[in-house]
C-alpha atoms as a PDB file:
ATOM      1  CA  UNK A   1      93.672  92.090  98.887  1.00  0.00           C
ATOM      2  CA  UNK A   2      89.882  91.981  99.496  1.00  0.00           C
ATOM      3  CA  UNK A   3      87.892  94.276 101.785  1.00  0.00           C
ATOM      4  CA  UNK A   4      87.271  91.672 104.268  1.00  0.00           C
ATOM      5  CA  UNK A   5      87.777  87.957 104.615  1.00  0.00           C
ATOM      6  CA  UNK A   6      85.564  85.255 103.634  1.00  0.00           C
ATOM      7  CA  UNK A   7      84.013  83.159 101.280  1.00  0.00           C
ATOM      8  CA  UNK A   8      82.494  85.406  98.167  1.00  0.00           C
ATOM      9  CA  UNK A   9      79.018  85.399  98.284  1.00  0.00           C
ATOM     10  CA  UNK A  10      76.264  82.936  95.966  1.00  0.00           C
ATOM     11  CA  UNK A  11      73.681  83.756  93.742  1.00  0.00           C
ATOM     12  CA  UNK A  12      71.145  82.652  95.483  1.00  0.00           C
ATOM     13  CA  UNK A  13      72.066  83.242  99.144  1.00  0.00           C
ATOM     14  CA  UNK A  14      69.143  85.590 101.023  1.00  0.00           C
ATOM     15  CA  UNK A  15      70.008  89.209 100.366  1.00  0.00           C
ATOM     16  CA  UNK A  16      70.689  90.599 103.761  1.00  0.00           C
ATOM     17  CA  UNK A  17      71.600  94.347 105.247  1.00  0.00           C
ATOM     18  CA  UNK A  18      75.335  93.959 104.593  1.00  0.00           C
ATOM     19  CA  UNK A  19      76.395  95.678 101.323  1.00  0.00           C
ATOM     20  CA  UNK A  20      77.350  93.224  98.815  1.00  0.00           C
ATOM     21  CA  UNK A  21      80.679  92.012  97.909  1.00  0.00           C
ATOM     22  CA  UNK A  22      82.038  91.111  94.630  1.00  0.00           C
ATOM     23  CA  UNK A  23      84.073  87.284  94.326  1.00  0.00           C
ATOM     24  CA  UNK A  24      87.809  88.068  94.848  1.00  0.00           C
ATOM     25  CA  UNK A  25      88.682  88.006  91.079  1.00  0.00           C
ATOM     26  CA  UNK A  26      86.172  90.899  90.024  1.00  0.00           C
ATOM     27  CA  UNK A  27      87.836  92.785  93.041  1.00  0.00           C
ATOM     28  CA  UNK A  28      91.216  92.952  91.836  1.00  0.00           C
ATOM     29  CA  UNK A  29      90.044  93.275  88.525  1.00  0.00           C
ATOM     30  CA  UNK A  30      88.337  96.077  89.844  1.00  0.00           C
ATOM     31  CA  UNK A  31      91.327  97.321  91.695  1.00  0.00           C
ATOM     32  CA  UNK A  32      93.902  96.811  88.454  1.00  0.00           C
ATOM     33  CA  UNK A  33      91.202  98.721  86.241  1.00  0.00           C
ATOM     34  CA  UNK A  34      90.922 101.708  89.497  1.00  0.00           C
ATOM     35  CA  UNK A  35      94.752 102.042  89.501  1.00  0.00           C
ATOM     36  CA  UNK A  36      94.980 102.161  85.497  1.00  0.00           C
ATOM     37  CA  UNK A  37      92.640 104.908  85.482  1.00  0.00           C
ATOM     38  CA  UNK A  38      94.093 106.756  88.645  1.00  0.00           C
ATOM     39  CA  UNK A  39      97.543 106.377  87.236  1.00  0.00           C
ATOM     40  CA  UNK A  40      96.484 107.873  83.988  1.00  0.00           C
ATOM     41  CA  UNK A  41      95.178 110.851  85.518  1.00  0.00           C
ATOM     42  CA  UNK A  42      98.197 111.033  87.664  1.00  0.00           C
ATOM     43  CA  UNK A  43     100.123 111.391  84.796  1.00  0.00           C
ATOM     44  CA  UNK A  44      98.438 114.281  83.453  1.00  0.00           C
ATOM     45  CA  UNK A  45      99.816 116.530  87.122  1.00  0.00           C
ATOM     46  CA  UNK A  46     102.443 117.696  85.536  1.00  0.00           C
ATOM     47  CA  UNK A  47     100.372 119.233  82.430  1.00  0.00           C
ATOM     48  CA  UNK A  48      97.838 120.696  85.114  1.00  0.00           C
ATOM     49  CA  UNK A  49     100.259 121.927  87.550  1.00  0.00           C
ATOM     50  CA  UNK A  50     102.682 123.662  84.962  1.00  0.00           C
ATOM     51  CA  UNK A  51      99.975 125.586  83.312  1.00  0.00           C
ATOM     52  CA  UNK A  52      98.307 126.425  86.454  1.00  0.00           C
ATOM     53  CA  UNK A  53     101.671 128.180  87.664  1.00  0.00           C
ATOM     54  CA  UNK A  54     102.926 131.760  86.703  1.00  0.00           C
ATOM     55  CA  UNK A  55     106.532 131.786  85.655  1.00  0.00           C
ATOM     56  CA  UNK A  56     108.631 131.797  88.284  1.00  0.00           C
ATOM     57  CA  UNK A  57     106.271 130.600  91.056  1.00  0.00           C
ATOM     58  CA  UNK A  58     106.373 127.675  93.097  1.00  0.00           C
ATOM     59  CA  UNK A  59     103.059 126.927  94.270  1.00  0.00           C
ATOM     60  CA  UNK A  60     102.892 122.431  94.853  1.00  0.00           C
ATOM     61  CA  UNK A  61     101.224 123.175  98.422  1.00  0.00           C
ATOM     62  CA  UNK A  62      98.392 125.899  97.396  1.00  0.00           C
ATOM     63  CA  UNK A  63      97.554 124.001  94.768  1.00  0.00           C
ATOM     64  CA  UNK A  64      97.424 120.394  96.417  1.00  0.00           C
ATOM     65  CA  UNK A  65      95.693 121.962  99.015  1.00  0.00           C
ATOM     66  CA  UNK A  66      92.683 122.860  96.624  1.00  0.00           C
ATOM     67  CA  UNK A  67      93.656 119.222  95.047  1.00  0.00           C
ATOM     68  CA  UNK A  68      92.376 118.102  98.422  1.00  0.00           C
ATOM     69  CA  UNK A  69      89.898 120.073  99.312  1.00  0.00           C
ATOM     70  CA  UNK A  70      87.747 119.635  95.835  1.00  0.00           C
ATOM     71  CA  UNK A  71      87.816 115.972  96.659  1.00  0.00           C
ATOM     72  CA  UNK A  72      86.850 116.194  99.999  1.00  0.00           C
ATOM     73  CA  UNK A  73      83.523 118.431  98.940  1.00  0.00           C
ATOM     74  CA  UNK A  74      83.029 115.690  95.848  1.00  0.00           C
ATOM     75  CA  UNK A  75      83.393 112.533  97.889  1.00  0.00           C
ATOM     76  CA  UNK A  76      80.802 114.247 100.546  1.00  0.00           C
ATOM     77  CA  UNK A  77      78.850 115.291  98.009  1.00  0.00           C
ATOM     78  CA  UNK A  78      78.563 111.623  96.517  1.00  0.00           C
ATOM     79  CA  UNK A  79      78.557 110.158  99.894  1.00  0.00           C
ATOM     80  CA  UNK A  80      75.033 112.722 100.354  1.00  0.00           C
ATOM     81  CA  UNK A  81      73.727 111.317  97.321  1.00  0.00           C
ATOM     82  CA  UNK A  82      73.963 107.907  97.480  1.00  0.00           C
ATOM     83  CA  UNK A  83      72.636 107.782 100.932  1.00  0.00           C
ATOM     84  CA  UNK A  84      75.832 106.581 102.365  1.00  0.00           C
ATOM     85  CA  UNK A  85      76.676 109.402 104.423  1.00  0.00           C
ATOM     86  CA  UNK A  86      75.994 107.623 107.884  1.00  0.00           C
ATOM     87  CA  UNK A  87      78.878 105.358 106.953  1.00  0.00           C
ATOM     88  CA  UNK A  88      80.871 108.712 108.309  1.00  0.00           C
ATOM     89  CA  UNK A  89      79.565 108.253 111.970  1.00  0.00           C
ATOM     90  CA  UNK A  90      79.860 104.579 111.926  1.00  0.00           C
ATOM     91  CA  UNK A  91      83.881 104.466 110.792  1.00  0.00           C
ATOM     92  CA  UNK A  92      86.094 104.635 113.615  1.00  0.00           C
ATOM     93  CA  UNK A  93      89.495 106.965 113.027  1.00  0.00           C
ATOM     94  CA  UNK A  94      92.155 105.656 113.466  1.00  0.00           C
ATOM     95  CA  UNK A  95      96.248 106.838 112.871  1.00  0.00           C
ATOM     96  CA  UNK A  96      95.956 104.447 109.676  1.00  0.00           C
ATOM     97  CA  UNK A  97      93.271 106.598 107.990  1.00  0.00           C
ATOM     98  CA  UNK A  98      94.521 109.638 109.679  1.00  0.00           C
ATOM     99  CA  UNK A  99      98.228 109.455 108.566  1.00  0.00           C
ATOM    100  CA  UNK A 100      96.857 107.890 105.397  1.00  0.00           C
ATOM    101  CA  UNK A 101      95.561 111.446 104.294  1.00  0.00           C
ATOM    102  CA  UNK A 102      98.086 113.194 106.007  1.00  0.00           C
ATOM    103  CA  UNK A 103     101.232 111.392 104.059  1.00  0.00           C
ATOM    104  CA  UNK A 104      99.216 111.687 101.027  1.00  0.00           C
ATOM    105  CA  UNK A 105      98.558 115.521 100.951  1.00  0.00           C
ATOM    106  CA  UNK A 106     102.480 115.474 101.939  1.00  0.00           C
ATOM    107  CA  UNK A 107     103.700 114.000  99.198  1.00  0.00           C
ATOM    108  CA  UNK A 108     101.758 115.191  96.302  1.00  0.00           C
ATOM    109  CA  UNK A 109     102.544 118.204  97.669  1.00  0.00           C
ATOM    110  CA  UNK A 110     106.085 118.243  97.023  1.00  0.00           C
ATOM    111  CA  UNK A 111     105.583 116.085  94.047  1.00  0.00           C
ATOM    112  CA  UNK A 112     103.630 119.068  92.094  1.00  0.00           C
ATOM    113  CA  UNK A 113     106.182 121.580  93.383  1.00  0.00           C
ATOM    114  CA  UNK A 114     109.174 118.796  92.380  1.00  0.00           C
ATOM    115  CA  UNK A 115     107.403 118.913  88.166  1.00  0.00           C
ATOM    116  CA  UNK A 116     108.277 122.824  88.122  1.00  0.00           C
ATOM    117  CA  UNK A 117     111.926 122.570  89.042  1.00  0.00           C
ATOM    118  CA  UNK A 118     113.020 119.447  87.396  1.00  0.00           C
ATOM    119  CA  UNK A 119     112.043 116.823  84.336  1.00  0.00           C
ATOM    120  CA  UNK A 120     108.450 115.802  84.447  1.00  0.00           C
ATOM    121  CA  UNK A 121     110.127 112.072  84.258  1.00  0.00           C
ATOM    122  CA  UNK A 122     113.274 112.627  86.532  1.00  0.00           C
ATOM    123  CA  UNK A 123     110.034 114.152  89.231  1.00  0.00           C
ATOM    124  CA  UNK A 124     107.709 111.205  88.570  1.00  0.00           C
ATOM    125  CA  UNK A 125     110.593 108.353  88.836  1.00  0.00           C
ATOM    126  CA  UNK A 126     111.484 109.983  92.227  1.00  0.00           C
ATOM    127  CA  UNK A 127     107.726 109.856  93.105  1.00  0.00           C
ATOM    128  CA  UNK A 128     107.241 106.060  92.060  1.00  0.00           C
ATOM    129  CA  UNK A 129     110.516 105.078  95.278  1.00  0.00           C
ATOM    130  CA  UNK A 130     106.972 105.116  97.207  1.00  0.00           C
ATOM    131  CA  UNK A 131     105.511 101.434  95.394  1.00  0.00           C
ATOM    132  CA  UNK A 132     108.874 100.173  95.891  1.00  0.00           C
ATOM    133  CA  UNK A 133     109.191 101.683  99.779  1.00  0.00           C
ATOM    134  CA  UNK A 134     105.592 100.202 100.306  1.00  0.00           C
ATOM    135  CA  UNK A 135     106.413  97.150  98.808  1.00  0.00           C
ATOM    136  CA  UNK A 136     109.068  95.998 101.051  1.00  0.00           C
ATOM    137  CA  UNK A 137     107.297  98.147 104.383  1.00  0.00           C
ATOM    138  CA  UNK A 138     104.605  95.412 103.492  1.00  0.00           C
ATOM    139  CA  UNK A 139     106.028  92.481 103.256  1.00  0.00           C
ATOM    140  CA  UNK A 140     108.362  93.740 106.601  1.00  0.00           C
ATOM    141  CA  UNK A 141     105.162  94.968 108.603  1.00  0.00           C
ATOM    142  CA  UNK A 142     102.211  93.161 107.200  1.00  0.00           C
ATOM    143  CA  UNK A 143     103.642  90.132 105.794  1.00  0.00           C
ATOM    144  CA  UNK A 144     101.962  90.074 102.568  1.00  0.00           C
ATOM    145  CA  UNK A 145     103.115  87.608 100.047  1.00  0.00           C
ATOM    146  CA  UNK A 146     105.589  88.380  97.250  1.00  0.00           C
ATOM    147  CA  UNK A 147     105.430  85.880  95.162  1.00  0.00           C
ATOM    148  CA  UNK A 148     107.881  85.347  92.143  1.00  0.00           C
ATOM    149  CA  UNK A 149     104.797  86.306  89.677  1.00  0.00           C
ATOM    150  CA  UNK A 150     105.010  89.640  91.654  1.00  0.00           C
ATOM    151  CA  UNK A 151     108.578  90.386  92.498  1.00  0.00           C
ATOM    152  CA  UNK A 152     109.188  90.186  88.416  1.00  0.00           C
ATOM    153  CA  UNK A 153     106.795  92.523  87.921  1.00  0.00           C
ATOM    154  CA  UNK A 154     107.990  95.436  90.074  1.00  0.00           C
ATOM    155  CA  UNK A 155     111.487  94.519  89.539  1.00  0.00           C
ATOM    156  CA  UNK A 156     110.701  94.892  85.255  1.00  0.00           C
ATOM    157  CA  UNK A 157     108.845  98.323  86.515  1.00  0.00           C
ATOM    158  CA  UNK A 158     111.777  99.455  88.280  1.00  0.00           C
ATOM    159  CA  UNK A 159     113.921  99.056  86.134  1.00  0.00           C
ATOM    160  CA  UNK A 160     111.574 100.019  83.201  1.00  0.00           C
ATOM    161  CA  UNK A 161     111.376 103.194  85.117  1.00  0.00           C
ATOM    162  CA  UNK A 162     114.946 103.767  85.853  1.00  0.00           C
ATOM    163  CA  UNK A 163     115.866 103.764  81.709  1.00  0.00           C
ATOM    164  CA  UNK A 164     112.591 105.936  81.146  1.00  0.00           C
ATOM    165  CA  UNK A 165     113.585 109.088  83.313  1.00  0.00           C
ATOM    166  CA  UNK A 166     117.309 108.320  81.429  1.00  0.00           C
ATOM    167  CA  UNK A 167     118.976 107.971  84.983  1.00  0.00           C
ATOM    168  CA  UNK A 168     121.142 105.359  83.545  1.00  0.00           C
ATOM    169  CA  UNK A 169     121.454 107.102  80.072  1.00  0.00           C
ATOM    170  CA  UNK A 170     125.400 108.112  80.164  1.00  0.00           C
ATOM    171  CA  UNK A 171     124.438 110.605  77.348  1.00  0.00           C
ATOM    172  CA  UNK A 172     121.771 112.346  79.259  1.00  0.00           C
ATOM    173  CA  UNK A 173     122.989 115.799  80.477  1.00  0.00           C
ATOM    174  CA  UNK A 174     124.039 116.097  83.723  1.00  0.00           C
ATOM    175  CA  UNK A 175     121.127 118.101  86.122  1.00  0.00           C
ATOM    176  CA  UNK A 176     122.165 122.226  86.472  1.00  0.00           C
ATOM    177  CA  UNK A 177     121.646 123.868  90.169  1.00  0.00           C
ATOM    178  CA  UNK A 178     118.812 124.399  89.317  1.00  0.00           C
ATOM    179  CA  UNK A 179     117.330 120.871  89.428  1.00  0.00           C
ATOM    180  CA  UNK A 180     118.643 119.887  92.860  1.00  0.00           C
ATOM    181  CA  UNK A 181     115.698 121.310  94.976  1.00  0.00           C
ATOM    182  CA  UNK A 182     113.379 119.261  92.583  1.00  0.00           C
ATOM    183  CA  UNK A 183     115.449 116.290  93.329  1.00  0.00           C
ATOM    184  CA  UNK A 184     114.959 116.549  96.721  1.00  0.00           C
ATOM    185  CA  UNK A 185     111.316 117.333  96.857  1.00  0.00           C
ATOM    186  CA  UNK A 186     110.755 114.240  94.645  1.00  0.00           C
ATOM    187  CA  UNK A 187     112.735 111.989  97.045  1.00  0.00           C
ATOM    188  CA  UNK A 188     110.447 113.273  99.652  1.00  0.00           C
ATOM    189  CA  UNK A 189     107.456 112.883  97.533  1.00  0.00           C
ATOM    190  CA  UNK A 190     108.577 109.433  97.261  1.00  0.00           C
ATOM    191  CA  UNK A 191     109.103 108.408 100.903  1.00  0.00           C
ATOM    192  CA  UNK A 192     105.632 110.301 101.642  1.00  0.00           C
ATOM    193  CA  UNK A 193     103.892 108.080  99.075  1.00  0.00           C
ATOM    194  CA  UNK A 194     105.489 104.878 100.478  1.00  0.00           C
ATOM    195  CA  UNK A 195     103.717 105.957 103.594  1.00  0.00           C
ATOM    196  CA  UNK A 196     100.608 106.120 102.107  1.00  0.00           C
ATOM    197  CA  UNK A 197     100.559 103.437 100.243  1.00  0.00           C
ATOM    198  CA  UNK A 198     101.485 101.424 103.512  1.00  0.00           C
ATOM    199  CA  UNK A 199      98.750 103.101 105.401  1.00  0.00           C
ATOM    200  CA  UNK A 200      96.197 102.193 102.552  1.00  0.00           C
ATOM    201  CA  UNK A 201      96.651  98.019 104.128  1.00  0.00           C
ATOM    202  CA  UNK A 202      95.410  99.275 107.661  1.00  0.00           C
ATOM    203  CA  UNK A 203      91.426  99.114 108.375  1.00  0.00           C
ATOM    204  CA  UNK A 204      90.195  97.242 104.898  1.00  0.00           C
ATOM    205  CA  UNK A 205      87.043  97.020 106.606  1.00  0.00           C
ATOM    206  CA  UNK A 206      86.509 101.222 106.048  1.00  0.00           C
ATOM    207  CA  UNK A 207      84.280 101.512 102.643  1.00  0.00           C
ATOM    208  CA  UNK A 208      86.174 102.930  99.722  1.00  0.00           C
ATOM    209  CA  UNK A 209      84.004 105.893  99.759  1.00  0.00           C
ATOM    210  CA  UNK A 210      84.124 106.706 103.187  1.00  0.00           C
ATOM    211  CA  UNK A 211      87.932 105.935 103.194  1.00  0.00           C
ATOM    212  CA  UNK A 212      88.163 108.849 100.300  1.00  0.00           C
ATOM    213  CA  UNK A 213      86.704 111.303 102.207  1.00  0.00           C
ATOM    214  CA  UNK A 214      88.908 110.912 105.227  1.00  0.00           C
ATOM    215  CA  UNK A 215      91.706 110.813 102.765  1.00  0.00           C
ATOM    216  CA  UNK A 216      91.144 113.869 101.278  1.00  0.00           C
ATOM    217  CA  UNK A 217      89.924 115.558 104.642  1.00  0.00           C
ATOM    218  CA  UNK A 218      93.194 114.762 106.082  1.00  0.00           C
ATOM    219  CA  UNK A 219      95.501 115.368 102.516  1.00  0.00           C
ATOM    220  CA  UNK A 220      93.659 118.903 102.900  1.00  0.00           C
ATOM    221  CA  UNK A 221      94.783 119.749 106.397  1.00  0.00           C
ATOM    222  CA  UNK A 222      98.066 118.815 106.217  1.00  0.00           C
ATOM    223  CA  UNK A 223      98.667 121.074 102.832  1.00  0.00           C
ATOM    224  CA  UNK A 224      97.066 123.873 104.760  1.00  0.00           C
ATOM    225  CA  UNK A 225      99.620 123.756 106.873  1.00  0.00           C
ATOM    226  CA  UNK A 226     102.253 123.392 104.880  1.00  0.00           C
ATOM    227  CA  UNK A 227     100.719 126.907 103.043  1.00  0.00           C
ATOM    228  CA  UNK A 228     100.090 128.432 106.302  1.00  0.00           C
ATOM    229  CA  UNK A 229     104.328 128.286 106.344  1.00  0.00           C
ATOM    230  CA  UNK A 230     104.986 129.259 102.869  1.00  0.00           C
ATOM    231  CA  UNK A 231     102.774 131.072 102.260  1.00  0.00           C
ATOM    232  CA  UNK A 232     102.545 131.283  98.137  1.00  0.00           C
ATOM    233  CA  UNK A 233     101.815 134.570  96.157  1.00  0.00           C
ATOM    234  CA  UNK A 234      98.820 133.633  94.468  1.00  0.00           C
ATOM    235  CA  UNK A 235      98.295 137.059  92.636  1.00  0.00           C
ATOM    236  CA  UNK A 236     100.439 136.374  89.835  1.00  0.00           C
ATOM    237  CA  UNK A 237      97.736 133.941  88.622  1.00  0.00           C
ATOM    238  CA  UNK A 238      95.956 134.706  85.684  1.00  0.00           C
ATOM    239  CA  UNK A 239      92.591 133.753  84.555  1.00  0.00           C
ATOM    240  CA  UNK A 240      93.849 130.392  82.734  1.00  0.00           C
ATOM    241  CA  UNK A 241      95.921 129.518  85.533  1.00  0.00           C
ATOM    242  CA  UNK A 242      92.524 129.376  87.779  1.00  0.00           C
ATOM    243  CA  UNK A 243      91.258 127.063  84.676  1.00  0.00           C
ATOM    244  CA  UNK A 244      93.894 124.442  84.818  1.00  0.00           C
ATOM    245  CA  UNK A 245      94.143 124.496  88.450  1.00  0.00           C
ATOM    246  CA  UNK A 246      90.783 124.110  88.415  1.00  0.00           C
ATOM    247  CA  UNK A 247      90.951 120.995  86.039  1.00  0.00           C
ATOM    248  CA  UNK A 248      93.830 120.123  88.070  1.00  0.00           C
ATOM    249  CA  UNK A 249      91.272 119.675  90.951  1.00  0.00           C
ATOM    250  CA  UNK A 250      89.052 117.529  89.480  1.00  0.00           C
ATOM    251  CA  UNK A 251      91.145 115.438  87.002  1.00  0.00           C
ATOM    252  CA  UNK A 252      94.230 114.774  89.002  1.00  0.00           C
ATOM    253  CA  UNK A 253      92.294 115.280  92.871  1.00  0.00           C
ATOM    254  CA  UNK A 254      88.430 113.967  92.439  1.00  0.00           C
ATOM    255  CA  UNK A 255      89.221 111.692  90.105  1.00  0.00           C
ATOM    256  CA  UNK A 256      92.853 110.494  90.609  1.00  0.00           C
ATOM    257  CA  UNK A 257      92.875 109.899  94.072  1.00  0.00           C
ATOM    258  CA  UNK A 258      89.918 108.909  94.553  1.00  0.00           C
ATOM    259  CA  UNK A 259      90.388 105.972  92.175  1.00  0.00           C
ATOM    260  CA  UNK A 260      93.632 104.954  93.943  1.00  0.00           C
ATOM    261  CA  UNK A 261      92.308 104.956  97.058  1.00  0.00           C
ATOM    262  CA  UNK A 262      89.556 102.305  95.730  1.00  0.00           C
ATOM    263  CA  UNK A 263      92.799 100.384  94.624  1.00  0.00           C
ATOM    264  CA  UNK A 264      94.255 100.221  97.894  1.00  0.00           C
ATOM    265  CA  UNK A 265      91.473  98.481  99.134  1.00  0.00           C
ATOM    266  CA  UNK A 266      91.367  96.074  96.371  1.00  0.00           C
ATOM    267  CA  UNK A 267      94.815  94.837  95.849  1.00  0.00           C
ATOM    268  CA  UNK A 268      97.685  93.967  97.591  1.00  0.00           C
ATOM    269  CA  UNK A 269     100.791  96.146  97.978  1.00  0.00           C
ATOM    270  CA  UNK A 270     103.125  94.635  95.286  1.00  0.00           C
ATOM    271  CA  UNK A 271     100.143  94.364  92.588  1.00  0.00           C
ATOM    272  CA  UNK A 272      99.019  97.931  93.183  1.00  0.00           C
ATOM    273  CA  UNK A 273     103.259  98.772  92.759  1.00  0.00           C
ATOM    274  CA  UNK A 274     103.399  97.193  89.580  1.00  0.00           C
ATOM    275  CA  UNK A 275     100.476  98.930  87.459  1.00  0.00           C
ATOM    276  CA  UNK A 276     100.726 102.132  89.263  1.00  0.00           C
ATOM    277  CA  UNK A 277     104.215 102.571  87.404  1.00  0.00           C
ATOM    278  CA  UNK A 278     102.203 103.468  84.573  1.00  0.00           C
ATOM    279  CA  UNK A 279     102.225 107.180  85.411  1.00  0.00           C
ATOM    280  CA  UNK A 280     105.521 107.344  84.968  1.00  0.00           C
ATOM    281  CA  UNK A 281     105.238 106.523  81.028  1.00  0.00           C
ATOM    282  CA  UNK A 282     102.115 108.899  80.505  1.00  0.00           C
ATOM    283  CA  UNK A 283     104.202 111.477  82.131  1.00  0.00           C
ATOM    284  CA  UNK A 284     106.863 110.847  80.083  1.00  0.00           C
ATOM    285  CA  UNK A 285     104.902 111.109  77.141  1.00  0.00           C
ATOM    286  CA  UNK A 286     103.225 113.945  77.763  1.00  0.00           C
ATOM    287  CA  UNK A 287     106.358 115.686  78.598  1.00  0.00           C
ATOM    288  CA  UNK A 288     107.529 115.145  75.053  1.00  0.00           C
ATOM    289  CA  UNK A 289     104.600 116.206  73.431  1.00  0.00           C
ATOM    290  CA  UNK A 290     103.519 119.275  75.352  1.00  0.00           C
ATOM    291  CA  UNK A 291     106.889 120.476  76.584  1.00  0.00           C
ATOM    292  CA  UNK A 292     109.740 119.088  74.187  1.00  0.00           C
ATOM    293  CA  UNK A 293     111.314 117.259  75.987  1.00  0.00           C
ATOM    294  CA  UNK A 294     113.572 114.512  74.470  1.00  0.00           C
ATOM    295  CA  UNK A 295     112.498 110.801  74.525  1.00  0.00           C
ATOM    296  CA  UNK A 296     115.951 108.427  73.833  1.00  0.00           C
ATOM    297  CA  UNK A 297     115.892 104.946  72.974  1.00  0.00           C
ATOM    298  CA  UNK A 298     116.644 103.735  76.303  1.00  0.00           C
ATOM    299  CA  UNK A 299     113.509 105.678  77.336  1.00  0.00           C
ATOM    300  CA  UNK A 300     111.459 103.641  74.806  1.00  0.00           C
ATOM    301  CA  UNK A 301     112.679 100.441  76.183  1.00  0.00           C
ATOM    302  CA  UNK A 302     111.805 101.638  79.194  1.00  0.00           C
ATOM    303  CA  UNK A 303     108.386 102.630  78.847  1.00  0.00           C
ATOM    304  CA  UNK A 304     107.649  99.010  77.452  1.00  0.00           C
ATOM    305  CA  UNK A 305     109.346  97.310  80.489  1.00  0.00           C
ATOM    306  CA  UNK A 306     107.032  99.282  82.632  1.00  0.00           C
ATOM    307  CA  UNK A 307     104.058  98.386  79.930  1.00  0.00           C
ATOM    308  CA  UNK A 308     105.403  94.628  80.545  1.00  0.00           C
ATOM    309  CA  UNK A 309     105.657  94.320  83.370  1.00  0.00           C
ATOM    310  CA  UNK A 310     101.557  95.950  84.130  1.00  0.00           C
ATOM    311  CA  UNK A 311     100.417  93.202  82.470  1.00  0.00           C
ATOM    312  CA  UNK A 312     101.748  90.576  84.735  1.00  0.00           C
ATOM    313  CA  UNK A 313      98.767  91.489  87.133  1.00  0.00           C
ATOM    314  CA  UNK A 314      96.590  91.249  84.504  1.00  0.00           C
ATOM    315  CA  UNK A 315      97.473  87.271  83.472  1.00  0.00           C
ATOM    316  CA  UNK A 316      97.548  86.630  86.995  1.00  0.00           C
ATOM    317  CA  UNK A 317      94.038  87.798  87.116  1.00  0.00           C
ATOM    318  CA  UNK A 318      92.583  85.824  84.093  1.00  0.00           C
ATOM    319  CA  UNK A 319      94.437  82.615  85.326  1.00  0.00           C
ATOM    320  CA  UNK A 320      92.393  82.573  88.547  1.00  0.00           C
ATOM    321  CA  UNK A 321      89.021  82.798  86.723  1.00  0.00           C
ATOM    322  CA  UNK A 322      87.023  79.334  87.275  1.00  0.00           C
END
């Protein structure tokens, strides 16, 4: 969905102080490109999070607070360097802007803790209940159109997600008692993520860079509150843990979440949902390559279904090109 309504600006139109908005098809292509890069970077969260966490520790809240804080500072610097700092004063804050950041912060904190307690594939699948929730709510609450192509794309992605996580594999070993908290945190992260994505569909008049700043800021506030309650012990953090944490803050924070907000401004919830499932494939491959987590034949089929679902928005975008 575009940031605003109205016909695309023609090339011969005299320029005005209003920022130029690219044509609708270009906006959709930009949104798809943004969510592809964002989902890839998000898929690396488990890799960074596990290496940043000392053995036996659960630091999801603390690491997510740092992730959000670095993102807020980074976006503030970008606004300052681009001369758009005044945009923060012109944008009126509303509940959807505030709650979008709060829900995203809570979602990522619970998700990161889940990746430490259970398999990466299981954690990311539960986290990605969020886009399904967001799509259903966007249809019922906002009246967004869900076309047959949208439904097929989401259906393929969801089926592939279940296969990739091994949730329908009869030969998969049952989770141990130690994975139960991780599963619960994964479900919580999915619910919070769906709420955050729905919030992004409101106030599409807010520029993406300004909204990213407020998303990071209120996400930092929410996770800071979690840190104050859980009081995680950081005394066992080694220099290597801190280095991985720094990479996590930049790659999975400023880059991944900043582009997620951009994609949420340009794409409808159904389009965003289908392409965002790329994170499941990335997390599955990272789990196998870095941590020796097995990939069954059914999981391979699931990954193929997810990739196929991702291609549908591209085909739709191409078909609408003049």
